[in-house]
């Protein structure tokens, strides 16, 4: 028996830097080197694009997502390279932001 991919996810123009799977909601969320983050269904359909807030310090503020985590309640937390946390709903709506000077790994 050979393993075959369940779906091929497309939409990023640059290399993927982080990804998470929320099996409860049937979602795959991924971020690329030059952003944005994308939400796909497990079947491979592109559902949403998560754009970081451009009003904080300019559009370069949210270009490099480093960590992503999704909850079964439908929230997605993204940590960007510059110390910014963003919480999105799975519908793509930005719900909260927080900046930190700490280096998160």
PDB file of N, CA and C in Angstrom:
ATOM      1  N   UNK A   1       0.843  -1.191   0.000  1.00  0.00           N
ATOM      2  CA  UNK A   1       0.000   0.000   0.000  1.00  0.00           C
ATOM      3  C   UNK A   1       0.878   1.242   0.000  1.00  0.00           C
ATOM      4  N   UNK A   2       0.447   2.218  -0.763  1.00  0.00           N
ATOM      5  CA  UNK A   2       1.157   3.483  -0.836  1.00  0.00           C
ATOM      6  C   UNK A   2       0.270   4.591  -0.275  1.00  0.00           C
ATOM      7  N   UNK A   3       0.891   5.482   0.463  1.00  0.00           N
ATOM      8  CA  UNK A   3       0.160   6.631   0.987  1.00  0.00           C
ATOM      9  C   UNK A   3      -0.043   7.647  -0.135  1.00  0.00           C
ATOM     10  N   UNK A   4      -1.244   8.171  -0.237  1.00  0.00           N
ATOM     11  CA  UNK A   4      -1.535   9.206  -1.220  1.00  0.00           C
ATOM     12  C   UNK A   4      -2.090  10.420  -0.499  1.00  0.00           C
ATOM     13  N   UNK A   5      -1.836  11.598  -1.029  1.00  0.00           N
ATOM     14  CA  UNK A   5      -2.347  12.797  -0.362  1.00  0.00           C
ATOM     15  C   UNK A   5      -3.865  12.857  -0.420  1.00  0.00           C
ATOM     16  N   UNK A   6      -4.448  13.336   0.639  1.00  0.00           N
ATOM     17  CA  UNK A   6      -5.898  13.489   0.698  1.00  0.00           C
ATOM     18  C   UNK A   6      -6.346  14.688  -0.132  1.00  0.00           C
ATOM     19  N   UNK A   7      -5.509  15.747  -0.122  1.00  0.00           N
ATOM     20  CA  UNK A   7      -5.805  16.957  -0.890  1.00  0.00           C
ATOM     21  C   UNK A   7      -4.509  17.726  -1.104  1.00  0.00           C
ATOM     22  N   UNK A   8      -4.479  18.518  -2.132  1.00  0.00           N
ATOM     23  CA  UNK A   8      -3.352  19.418  -2.380  1.00  0.00           C
ATOM     24  C   UNK A   8      -3.861  20.832  -2.145  1.00  0.00           C
ATOM     25  N   UNK A   9      -3.232  21.518  -1.210  1.00  0.00           N
ATOM     26  CA  UNK A   9      -3.665  22.864  -0.838  1.00  0.00           C
ATOM     27  C   UNK A   9      -2.851  23.875  -1.627  1.00  0.00           C
ATOM     28  N   UNK A  10      -3.518  24.815  -2.260  1.00  0.00           N
ATOM     29  CA  UNK A  10      -2.839  25.825  -3.063  1.00  0.00           C
ATOM     30  C   UNK A  10      -3.223  27.215  -2.584  1.00  0.00           C
ATOM     31  N   UNK A  11      -2.454  28.210  -3.004  1.00  0.00           N
ATOM     32  CA  UNK A  11      -2.802  29.588  -2.680  1.00  0.00           C
ATOM     33  C   UNK A  11      -1.646  30.427  -2.206  1.00  0.00           C
ATOM     34  N   UNK A  12      -0.610  29.808  -1.662  1.00  0.00           N
ATOM     35  CA  UNK A  12       0.544  30.582  -1.196  1.00  0.00           C
ATOM     36  C   UNK A  12       1.514  30.829  -2.346  1.00  0.00           C
ATOM     37  N   UNK A  13       2.113  32.003  -2.340  1.00  0.00           N
ATOM     38  CA  UNK A  13       3.115  32.344  -3.344  1.00  0.00           C
ATOM     39  C   UNK A  13       4.532  32.087  -2.846  1.00  0.00           C
ATOM     40  N   UNK A  14       4.695  31.918  -1.533  1.00  0.00           N
ATOM     41  CA  UNK A  14       6.006  31.717  -0.920  1.00  0.00           C
ATOM     42  C   UNK A  14       5.978  30.473  -0.038  1.00  0.00           C
ATOM     43  N   UNK A  15       7.128  30.104   0.479  1.00  0.00           N
ATOM     44  CA  UNK A  15       7.239  28.891   1.288  1.00  0.00           C
ATOM     45  C   UNK A  15       6.408  28.985   2.560  1.00  0.00           C
ATOM     46  N   UNK A  16       5.882  27.849   2.986  1.00  0.00           N
ATOM     47  CA  UNK A  16       5.068  27.752   4.194  1.00  0.00           C
ATOM     48  C   UNK A  16       5.987  27.798   5.414  1.00  0.00           C
ATOM     49  N   UNK A  17       5.664  28.655   6.380  1.00  0.00           N
ATOM     50  CA  UNK A  17       6.468  28.770   7.598  1.00  0.00           C
ATOM     51  C   UNK A  17       5.775  28.165   8.810  1.00  0.00           C
ATOM     52  N   UNK A  18       4.440  28.013   8.758  1.00  0.00           N
ATOM     53  CA  UNK A  18       3.717  27.436   9.879  1.00  0.00           C
ATOM     54  C   UNK A  18       2.369  26.910   9.395  1.00  0.00           C
ATOM     55  N   UNK A  19       1.869  25.916  10.090  1.00  0.00           N
ATOM     56  CA  UNK A  19       0.575  25.333   9.731  1.00  0.00           C
ATOM     57  C   UNK A  19      -0.018  24.615  10.936  1.00  0.00           C
ATOM     58  N   UNK A  20      -1.325  24.486  10.929  1.00  0.00           N
ATOM     59  CA  UNK A  20      -2.019  23.724  11.961  1.00  0.00           C
ATOM     60  C   UNK A  20      -3.249  23.076  11.337  1.00  0.00           C
ATOM     61  N   UNK A  21      -3.682  21.989  11.950  1.00  0.00           N
ATOM     62  CA  UNK A  21      -4.881  21.280  11.505  1.00  0.00           C
ATOM     63  C   UNK A  21      -5.876  21.270  12.655  1.00  0.00           C
ATOM     64  N   UNK A  22      -7.093  21.649  12.376  1.00  0.00           N
ATOM     65  CA  UNK A  22      -8.167  21.576  13.357  1.00  0.00           C
ATOM     66  C   UNK A  22      -9.134  20.504  12.857  1.00  0.00           C
ATOM     67  N   UNK A  23      -8.915  19.275  13.308  1.00  0.00           N
ATOM     68  CA  UNK A  23      -9.711  18.141  12.834  1.00  0.00           C
ATOM     69  C   UNK A  23     -11.180  18.283  13.218  1.00  0.00           C
ATOM     70  N   UNK A  24     -11.466  18.892  14.366  1.00  0.00           N
ATOM     71  CA  UNK A  24     -12.848  19.045  14.818  1.00  0.00           C
ATOM     72  C   UNK A  24     -13.669  19.894  13.847  1.00  0.00           C
ATOM     73  N   UNK A  25     -13.038  20.901  13.249  1.00  0.00           N
ATOM     74  CA  UNK A  25     -13.732  21.786  12.308  1.00  0.00           C
ATOM     75  C   UNK A  25     -13.427  21.452  10.852  1.00  0.00           C
ATOM     76  N   UNK A  26     -12.503  20.521  10.633  1.00  0.00           N
ATOM     77  CA  UNK A  26     -12.154  20.134   9.272  1.00  0.00           C
ATOM     78  C   UNK A  26     -11.384  21.202   8.528  1.00  0.00           C
ATOM     79  N   UNK A  27     -10.474  21.896   9.238  1.00  0.00           N
ATOM     80  CA  UNK A  27      -9.742  23.019   8.654  1.00  0.00           C
ATOM     81  C   UNK A  27      -8.239  22.815   8.711  1.00  0.00           C
ATOM     82  N   UNK A  28      -7.553  23.375   7.726  1.00  0.00           N
ATOM     83  CA  UNK A  28      -6.100  23.465   7.712  1.00  0.00           C
ATOM     84  C   UNK A  28      -5.776  24.941   7.569  1.00  0.00           C
ATOM     85  N   UNK A  29      -4.955  25.472   8.489  1.00  0.00           N
ATOM     86  CA  UNK A  29      -4.583  26.884   8.450  1.00  0.00           C
ATOM     87  C   UNK A  29      -3.078  26.954   8.288  1.00  0.00           C
ATOM     88  N   UNK A  30      -2.626  27.736   7.320  1.00  0.00           N
ATOM     89  CA  UNK A  30      -1.196  27.818   7.037  1.00  0.00           C
ATOM     90  C   UNK A  30      -0.778  29.253   6.790  1.00  0.00           C
ATOM     91  N   UNK A  31       0.490  29.527   7.091  1.00  0.00           N
ATOM     92  CA  UNK A  31       1.060  30.847   6.862  1.00  0.00           C
ATOM     93  C   UNK A  31       2.327  30.719   6.041  1.00  0.00           C
ATOM     94  N   UNK A  32       2.566  31.705   5.181  1.00  0.00           N
ATOM     95  CA  UNK A  32       3.751  31.651   4.337  1.00  0.00           C
ATOM     96  C   UNK A  32       4.721  32.765   4.691  1.00  0.00           C
ATOM     97  N   UNK A  33       5.917  32.655   4.164  1.00  0.00           N
ATOM     98  CA  UNK A  33       7.014  33.563   4.480  1.00  0.00           C
ATOM     99  C   UNK A  33       6.638  35.029   4.304  1.00  0.00           C
ATOM    100  N   UNK A  34       5.928  35.365   3.273  1.00  0.00           N
ATOM    101  CA  UNK A  34       5.527  36.746   3.025  1.00  0.00           C
ATOM    102  C   UNK A  34       4.031  36.950   3.194  1.00  0.00           C
ATOM    103  N   UNK A  35       3.394  36.084   4.027  1.00  0.00           N
ATOM    104  CA  UNK A  35       1.983  36.207   4.318  1.00  0.00           C
ATOM    105  C   UNK A  35       1.134  36.062   3.073  1.00  0.00           C
ATOM    106  N   UNK A  36      -0.161  36.067   3.171  1.00  0.00           N
ATOM    107  CA  UNK A  36      -0.990  36.008   4.360  1.00  0.00           C
ATOM    108  C   UNK A  36      -1.188  34.570   4.828  1.00  0.00           C
ATOM    109  N   UNK A  37      -2.034  34.397   5.826  1.00  0.00           N
ATOM    110  CA  UNK A  37      -2.397  33.058   6.279  1.00  0.00           C
ATOM    111  C   UNK A  37      -3.680  32.648   5.557  1.00  0.00           C
ATOM    112  N   UNK A  38      -3.784  31.366   5.236  1.00  0.00           N
ATOM    113  CA  UNK A  38      -4.926  30.854   4.494  1.00  0.00           C
ATOM    114  C   UNK A  38      -5.633  29.757   5.275  1.00  0.00           C
ATOM    115  N   UNK A  39      -6.950  29.712   5.162  1.00  0.00           N
ATOM    116  CA  UNK A  39      -7.754  28.642   5.748  1.00  0.00           C
ATOM    117  C   UNK A  39      -8.298  27.794   4.610  1.00  0.00           C
ATOM    118  N   UNK A  40      -7.996  26.496   4.648  1.00  0.00           N
ATOM    119  CA  UNK A  40      -8.490  25.527   3.672  1.00  0.00           C
ATOM    120  C   UNK A  40      -9.373  24.503   4.377  1.00  0.00           C
ATOM    121  N   UNK A  41     -10.286  23.922   3.627  1.00  0.00           N
ATOM    122  CA  UNK A  41     -11.012  22.767   4.136  1.00  0.00           C
ATOM    123  C   UNK A  41     -10.099  21.552   3.992  1.00  0.00           C
ATOM    124  N   UNK A  42     -10.440  20.475   4.646  1.00  0.00           N
ATOM    125  CA  UNK A  42      -9.646  19.246   4.532  1.00  0.00           C
ATOM    126  C   UNK A  42      -9.707  18.674   3.117  1.00  0.00           C
ATOM    127  N   UNK A  43     -10.694  19.096   2.330  1.00  0.00           N
ATOM    128  CA  UNK A  43     -10.812  18.647   0.948  1.00  0.00           C
ATOM    129  C   UNK A  43      -9.949  19.454  -0.007  1.00  0.00           C
ATOM    130  N   UNK A  44      -9.339  20.544   0.509  1.00  0.00           N
ATOM    131  CA  UNK A  44      -8.466  21.358  -0.320  1.00  0.00           C
ATOM    132  C   UNK A  44      -9.065  22.658  -0.804  1.00  0.00           C
ATOM    133  N   UNK A  45     -10.311  22.948  -0.458  1.00  0.00           N
ATOM    134  CA  UNK A  45     -10.948  24.189  -0.890  1.00  0.00           C
ATOM    135  C   UNK A  45     -10.420  25.375  -0.078  1.00  0.00           C
ATOM    136  N   UNK A  46     -10.033  26.452  -0.745  1.00  0.00           N
ATOM    137  CA  UNK A  46      -9.609  27.673  -0.066  1.00  0.00           C
ATOM    138  C   UNK A  46     -10.851  28.388   0.442  1.00  0.00           C
ATOM    139  N   UNK A  47     -10.923  28.596   1.758  1.00  0.00           N
ATOM    140  CA  UNK A  47     -12.112  29.190   2.370  1.00  0.00           C
ATOM    141  C   UNK A  47     -11.938  30.662   2.707  1.00  0.00           C
ATOM    142  N   UNK A  48     -10.799  31.015   3.311  1.00  0.00           N
ATOM    143  CA  UNK A  48     -10.581  32.379   3.791  1.00  0.00           C
ATOM    144  C   UNK A  48      -9.110  32.752   3.699  1.00  0.00           C
ATOM    145  N   UNK A  49      -8.884  34.053   3.657  1.00  0.00           N
ATOM    146  CA  UNK A  49      -7.544  34.626   3.770  1.00  0.00           C
ATOM    147  C   UNK A  49      -7.533  35.473   5.034  1.00  0.00           C
ATOM    148  N   UNK A  50      -6.534  35.262   5.884  1.00  0.00           N
ATOM    149  CA  UNK A  50      -6.417  36.028   7.132  1.00  0.00           C
ATOM    150  C   UNK A  50      -5.349  37.095   6.942  1.00  0.00           C
ATOM    151  N   UNK A  51      -5.764  38.328   6.820  1.00  0.00           N
ATOM    152  CA  UNK A  51      -4.852  39.454   6.664  1.00  0.00           C
ATOM    153  C   UNK A  51      -4.632  40.083   8.026  1.00  0.00           C
ATOM    154  N   UNK A  52      -3.385  40.308   8.379  1.00  0.00           N
ATOM    155  CA  UNK A  52      -3.073  40.962   9.646  1.00  0.00           C
ATOM    156  C   UNK A  52      -3.458  42.430   9.618  1.00  0.00           C
ATOM    157  N   UNK A  53      -3.560  43.047  10.788  1.00  0.00           N
ATOM    158  CA  UNK A  53      -3.970  44.455  10.850  1.00  0.00           C
ATOM    159  C   UNK A  53      -2.900  45.354  10.241  1.00  0.00           C
ATOM    160  N   UNK A  54      -3.296  46.222   9.335  1.00  0.00           N
ATOM    161  CA  UNK A  54      -2.336  47.121   8.688  1.00  0.00           C
ATOM    162  C   UNK A  54      -2.281  48.473   9.379  1.00  0.00           C
ATOM    163  N   UNK A  55      -3.117  48.679  10.374  1.00  0.00           N
ATOM    164  CA  UNK A  55      -3.193  49.991  10.992  1.00  0.00           C
ATOM    165  C   UNK A  55      -2.226  50.171  12.153  1.00  0.00           C
ATOM    166  N   UNK A  56      -1.609  49.101  12.640  1.00  0.00           N
ATOM    167  CA  UNK A  56      -0.756  49.241  13.815  1.00  0.00           C
ATOM    168  C   UNK A  56       0.556  49.964  13.507  1.00  0.00           C
ATOM    169  N   UNK A  57       1.310  49.462  12.542  1.00  0.00           N
ATOM    170  CA  UNK A  57       2.594  50.086  12.199  1.00  0.00           C
ATOM    171  C   UNK A  57       2.874  49.965  10.709  1.00  0.00           C
ATOM    172  N   UNK A  58       1.859  49.803   9.927  1.00  0.00           N
ATOM    173  CA  UNK A  58       2.066  49.657   8.493  1.00  0.00           C
ATOM    174  C   UNK A  58       1.928  48.211   8.073  1.00  0.00           C
ATOM    175  N   UNK A  59       1.797  47.967   6.764  1.00  0.00           N
ATOM    176  CA  UNK A  59       1.560  46.613   6.271  1.00  0.00           C
ATOM    177  C   UNK A  59       2.721  45.652   6.495  1.00  0.00           C
ATOM    178  N   UNK A  60       3.925  46.146   6.662  1.00  0.00           N
ATOM    179  CA  UNK A  60       5.061  45.244   6.903  1.00  0.00           C
ATOM    180  C   UNK A  60       4.995  44.601   8.284  1.00  0.00           C
ATOM    181  N   UNK A  61       4.087  45.059   9.134  1.00  0.00           N
ATOM    182  CA  UNK A  61       3.972  44.556  10.494  1.00  0.00           C
ATOM    183  C   UNK A  61       3.548  43.092  10.548  1.00  0.00           C
ATOM    184  N   UNK A  62       2.778  42.596   9.599  1.00  0.00           N
ATOM    185  CA  UNK A  62       2.206  41.258   9.681  1.00  0.00           C
ATOM    186  C   UNK A  62       2.596  40.379   8.504  1.00  0.00           C
ATOM    187  N   UNK A  63       3.783  40.531   7.998  1.00  0.00           N
ATOM    188  CA  UNK A  63       4.149  39.767   6.818  1.00  0.00           C
ATOM    189  C   UNK A  63       4.705  38.387   7.110  1.00  0.00           C
ATOM    190  N   UNK A  64       5.197  38.127   8.295  1.00  0.00           N
ATOM    191  CA  UNK A  64       5.900  36.870   8.542  1.00  0.00           C
ATOM    192  C   UNK A  64       5.301  36.096   9.717  1.00  0.00           C
ATOM    193  N   UNK A  65       4.269  35.299   9.461  1.00  0.00           N
ATOM    194  CA  UNK A  65       3.715  34.473  10.542  1.00  0.00           C
ATOM    195  C   UNK A  65       4.698  33.367  10.923  1.00  0.00           C
ATOM    196  N   UNK A  66       4.867  33.151  12.216  1.00  0.00           N
ATOM    197  CA  UNK A  66       5.798  32.130  12.714  1.00  0.00           C
ATOM    198  C   UNK A  66       5.094  30.952  13.363  1.00  0.00           C
ATOM    199  N   UNK A  67       3.999  31.201  14.059  1.00  0.00           N
ATOM    200  CA  UNK A  67       3.264  30.147  14.761  1.00  0.00           C
ATOM    201  C   UNK A  67       1.768  30.329  14.541  1.00  0.00           C
ATOM    202  N   UNK A  68       1.065  29.228  14.364  1.00  0.00           N
ATOM    203  CA  UNK A  68      -0.393  29.255  14.237  1.00  0.00           C
ATOM    204  C   UNK A  68      -0.971  28.149  15.107  1.00  0.00           C
ATOM    205  N   UNK A  69      -2.078  28.470  15.775  1.00  0.00           N
ATOM    206  CA  UNK A  69      -2.800  27.451  16.527  1.00  0.00           C
ATOM    207  C   UNK A  69      -4.288  27.722  16.390  1.00  0.00           C
ATOM    208  N   UNK A  70      -5.061  26.696  16.156  1.00  0.00           N
ATOM    209  CA  UNK A  70      -6.518  26.821  16.031  1.00  0.00           C
ATOM    210  C   UNK A  70      -7.188  26.072  17.172  1.00  0.00           C
ATOM    211  N   UNK A  71      -8.339  26.576  17.594  1.00  0.00           N
ATOM    212  CA  UNK A  71      -9.101  25.905  18.650  1.00  0.00           C
ATOM    213  C   UNK A  71     -10.349  25.281  18.057  1.00  0.00           C
ATOM    214  N   UNK A  72     -10.910  24.324  18.756  1.00  0.00           N
ATOM    215  CA  UNK A  72     -12.136  23.683  18.279  1.00  0.00           C
ATOM    216  C   UNK A  72     -13.341  24.605  18.389  1.00  0.00           C
ATOM    217  N   UNK A  73     -13.176  25.722  19.108  1.00  0.00           N
ATOM    218  CA  UNK A  73     -14.259  26.703  19.208  1.00  0.00           C
ATOM    219  C   UNK A  73     -14.281  27.652  18.012  1.00  0.00           C
ATOM    220  N   UNK A  74     -13.283  27.569  17.140  1.00  0.00           N
ATOM    221  CA  UNK A  74     -13.275  28.395  15.946  1.00  0.00           C
ATOM    222  C   UNK A  74     -12.427  29.641  16.028  1.00  0.00           C
ATOM    223  N   UNK A  75     -11.420  29.641  16.897  1.00  0.00           N
ATOM    224  CA  UNK A  75     -10.489  30.761  16.989  1.00  0.00           C
ATOM    225  C   UNK A  75      -9.132  30.340  16.450  1.00  0.00           C
ATOM    226  N   UNK A  76      -8.453  31.281  15.848  1.00  0.00           N
ATOM    227  CA  UNK A  76      -7.121  31.034  15.310  1.00  0.00           C
ATOM    228  C   UNK A  76      -6.182  32.094  15.872  1.00  0.00           C
ATOM    229  N   UNK A  77      -5.115  31.668  16.541  1.00  0.00           N
ATOM    230  CA  UNK A  77      -4.117  32.579  17.087  1.00  0.00           C
ATOM    231  C   UNK A  77      -2.882  32.492  16.197  1.00  0.00           C
ATOM    232  N   UNK A  78      -2.422  33.648  15.754  1.00  0.00           N
ATOM    233  CA  UNK A  78      -1.229  33.719  14.901  1.00  0.00           C
ATOM    234  C   UNK A  78      -0.205  34.609  15.584  1.00  0.00           C
ATOM    235  N   UNK A  79       1.022  34.102  15.674  1.00  0.00           N
ATOM    236  CA  UNK A  79       2.136  34.895  16.194  1.00  0.00           C
ATOM    237  C   UNK A  79       3.026  35.268  15.025  1.00  0.00           C
ATOM    238  N   UNK A  80       3.264  36.558  14.873  1.00  0.00           N
ATOM    239  CA  UNK A  80       4.098  37.058  13.788  1.00  0.00           C
ATOM    240  C   UNK A  80       5.512  37.328  14.290  1.00  0.00           C
ATOM    241  N   UNK A  81       6.458  37.279  13.377  1.00  0.00           N
ATOM    242  CA  UNK A  81       7.881  37.415  13.677  1.00  0.00           C
ATOM    243  C   UNK A  81       8.214  38.671  14.481  1.00  0.00           C
ATOM    244  N   UNK A  82       7.473  39.731  14.309  1.00  0.00           N
ATOM    245  CA  UNK A  82       7.766  41.002  14.971  1.00  0.00           C
ATOM    246  C   UNK A  82       7.196  41.118  16.380  1.00  0.00           C
ATOM    247  N   UNK A  83       6.621  40.060  16.930  1.00  0.00           N
ATOM    248  CA  UNK A  83       6.102  40.089  18.293  1.00  0.00           C
ATOM    249  C   UNK A  83       4.630  40.417  18.391  1.00  0.00           C
ATOM    250  N   UNK A  84       3.890  40.278  17.321  1.00  0.00           N
ATOM    251  CA  UNK A  84       2.468  40.584  17.326  1.00  0.00           C
ATOM    252  C   UNK A  84       1.654  39.294  17.343  1.00  0.00           C
ATOM    253  N   UNK A  85       0.700  39.228  18.270  1.00  0.00           N
ATOM    254  CA  UNK A  85      -0.276  38.140  18.315  1.00  0.00           C
ATOM    255  C   UNK A  85      -1.585  38.663  17.739  1.00  0.00           C
ATOM    256  N   UNK A  86      -2.241  37.872  16.921  1.00  0.00           N
ATOM    257  CA  UNK A  86      -3.565  38.215  16.396  1.00  0.00           C
ATOM    258  C   UNK A  86      -4.489  37.021  16.608  1.00  0.00           C
ATOM    259  N   UNK A  87      -5.727  37.308  16.991  1.00  0.00           N
ATOM    260  CA  UNK A  87      -6.747  36.276  17.121  1.00  0.00           C
ATOM    261  C   UNK A  87      -7.801  36.552  16.061  1.00  0.00           C
ATOM    262  N   UNK A  88      -8.079  35.527  15.248  1.00  0.00           N
ATOM    263  CA  UNK A  88      -9.075  35.607  14.192  1.00  0.00           C
ATOM    264  C   UNK A  88     -10.172  34.585  14.454  1.00  0.00           C
ATOM    265  N   UNK A  89     -11.367  34.870  13.963  1.00  0.00           N
ATOM    266  CA  UNK A  89     -12.398  33.843  13.909  1.00  0.00           C
ATOM    267  C   UNK A  89     -12.153  33.036  12.644  1.00  0.00           C
ATOM    268  N   UNK A  90     -12.734  31.851  12.547  1.00  0.00           N
ATOM    269  CA  UNK A  90     -12.558  31.050  11.340  1.00  0.00           C
ATOM    270  C   UNK A  90     -13.274  31.681  10.150  1.00  0.00           C
ATOM    271  N   UNK A  91     -14.084  32.691  10.403  1.00  0.00           N
ATOM    272  CA  UNK A  91     -14.720  33.441   9.324  1.00  0.00           C
ATOM    273  C   UNK A  91     -13.811  34.532   8.784  1.00  0.00           C
ATOM    274  N   UNK A  92     -12.603  34.652   9.345  1.00  0.00           N
ATOM    275  CA  UNK A  92     -11.632  35.614   8.850  1.00  0.00           C
ATOM    276  C   UNK A  92     -11.675  36.965   9.526  1.00  0.00           C
ATOM    277  N   UNK A  93     -12.470  37.110  10.552  1.00  0.00           N
ATOM    278  CA  UNK A  93     -12.585  38.399  11.231  1.00  0.00           C
ATOM    279  C   UNK A  93     -11.525  38.534  12.325  1.00  0.00           C
ATOM    280  N   UNK A  94     -10.784  39.642  12.295  1.00  0.00           N
ATOM    281  CA  UNK A  94      -9.788  39.923  13.323  1.00  0.00           C
ATOM    282  C   UNK A  94     -10.513  40.289  14.605  1.00  0.00           C
ATOM    283  N   UNK A  95     -10.212  39.557  15.702  1.00  0.00           N
ATOM    284  CA  UNK A  95     -10.916  39.782  16.957  1.00  0.00           C
ATOM    285  C   UNK A  95     -10.080  40.512  17.994  1.00  0.00           C
ATOM    286  N   UNK A  96      -8.767  40.284  17.999  1.00  0.00           N
ATOM    287  CA  UNK A  96      -7.916  40.938  18.994  1.00  0.00           C
ATOM    288  C   UNK A  96      -6.471  40.924  18.527  1.00  0.00           C
ATOM    289  N   UNK A  97      -5.703  41.878  19.039  1.00  0.00           N
ATOM    290  CA  UNK A  97      -4.263  41.918  18.787  1.00  0.00           C
ATOM    291  C   UNK A  97      -3.535  42.246  20.076  1.00  0.00           C
ATOM    292  N   UNK A  98      -2.289  41.835  20.159  1.00  0.00           N
ATOM    293  CA  UNK A  98      -1.443  42.140  21.312  1.00  0.00           C
ATOM    294  C   UNK A  98       0.003  42.120  20.864  1.00  0.00           C
ATOM    295  N   UNK A  99       0.767  43.115  21.264  1.00  0.00           N
ATOM    296  CA  UNK A  99       2.191  43.146  20.945  1.00  0.00           C
ATOM    297  C   UNK A  99       2.991  42.733  22.168  1.00  0.00           C
ATOM    298  N   UNK A 100       4.121  42.077  21.922  1.00  0.00           N
ATOM    299  CA  UNK A 100       5.009  41.677  23.003  1.00  0.00           C
ATOM    300  C   UNK A 100       6.453  41.862  22.552  1.00  0.00           C
ATOM    301  N   UNK A 101       7.312  42.174  23.506  1.00  0.00           N
ATOM    302  CA  UNK A 101       8.739  42.309  23.194  1.00  0.00           C
ATOM    303  C   UNK A 101       9.466  40.987  23.415  1.00  0.00           C
ATOM    304  N   UNK A 102       8.778  39.997  23.983  1.00  0.00           N
ATOM    305  CA  UNK A 102       9.389  38.696  24.237  1.00  0.00           C
ATOM    306  C   UNK A 102       9.615  37.947  22.944  1.00  0.00           C
ATOM    307  N   UNK A 103      10.637  37.113  22.920  1.00  0.00           N
ATOM    308  CA  UNK A 103      10.901  36.234  21.776  1.00  0.00           C
ATOM    309  C   UNK A 103      10.197  34.908  22.018  1.00  0.00           C
ATOM    310  N   UNK A 104       9.207  34.605  21.208  1.00  0.00           N
ATOM    311  CA  UNK A 104       8.411  33.392  21.353  1.00  0.00           C
ATOM    312  C   UNK A 104       8.963  32.345  20.412  1.00  0.00           C
ATOM    313  N   UNK A 105       9.126  31.121  20.924  1.00  0.00           N
ATOM    314  CA  UNK A 105       9.624  30.018  20.091  1.00  0.00           C
ATOM    315  C   UNK A 105       8.678  28.856  20.181  1.00  0.00           C
TER     316      UNK A 105
END
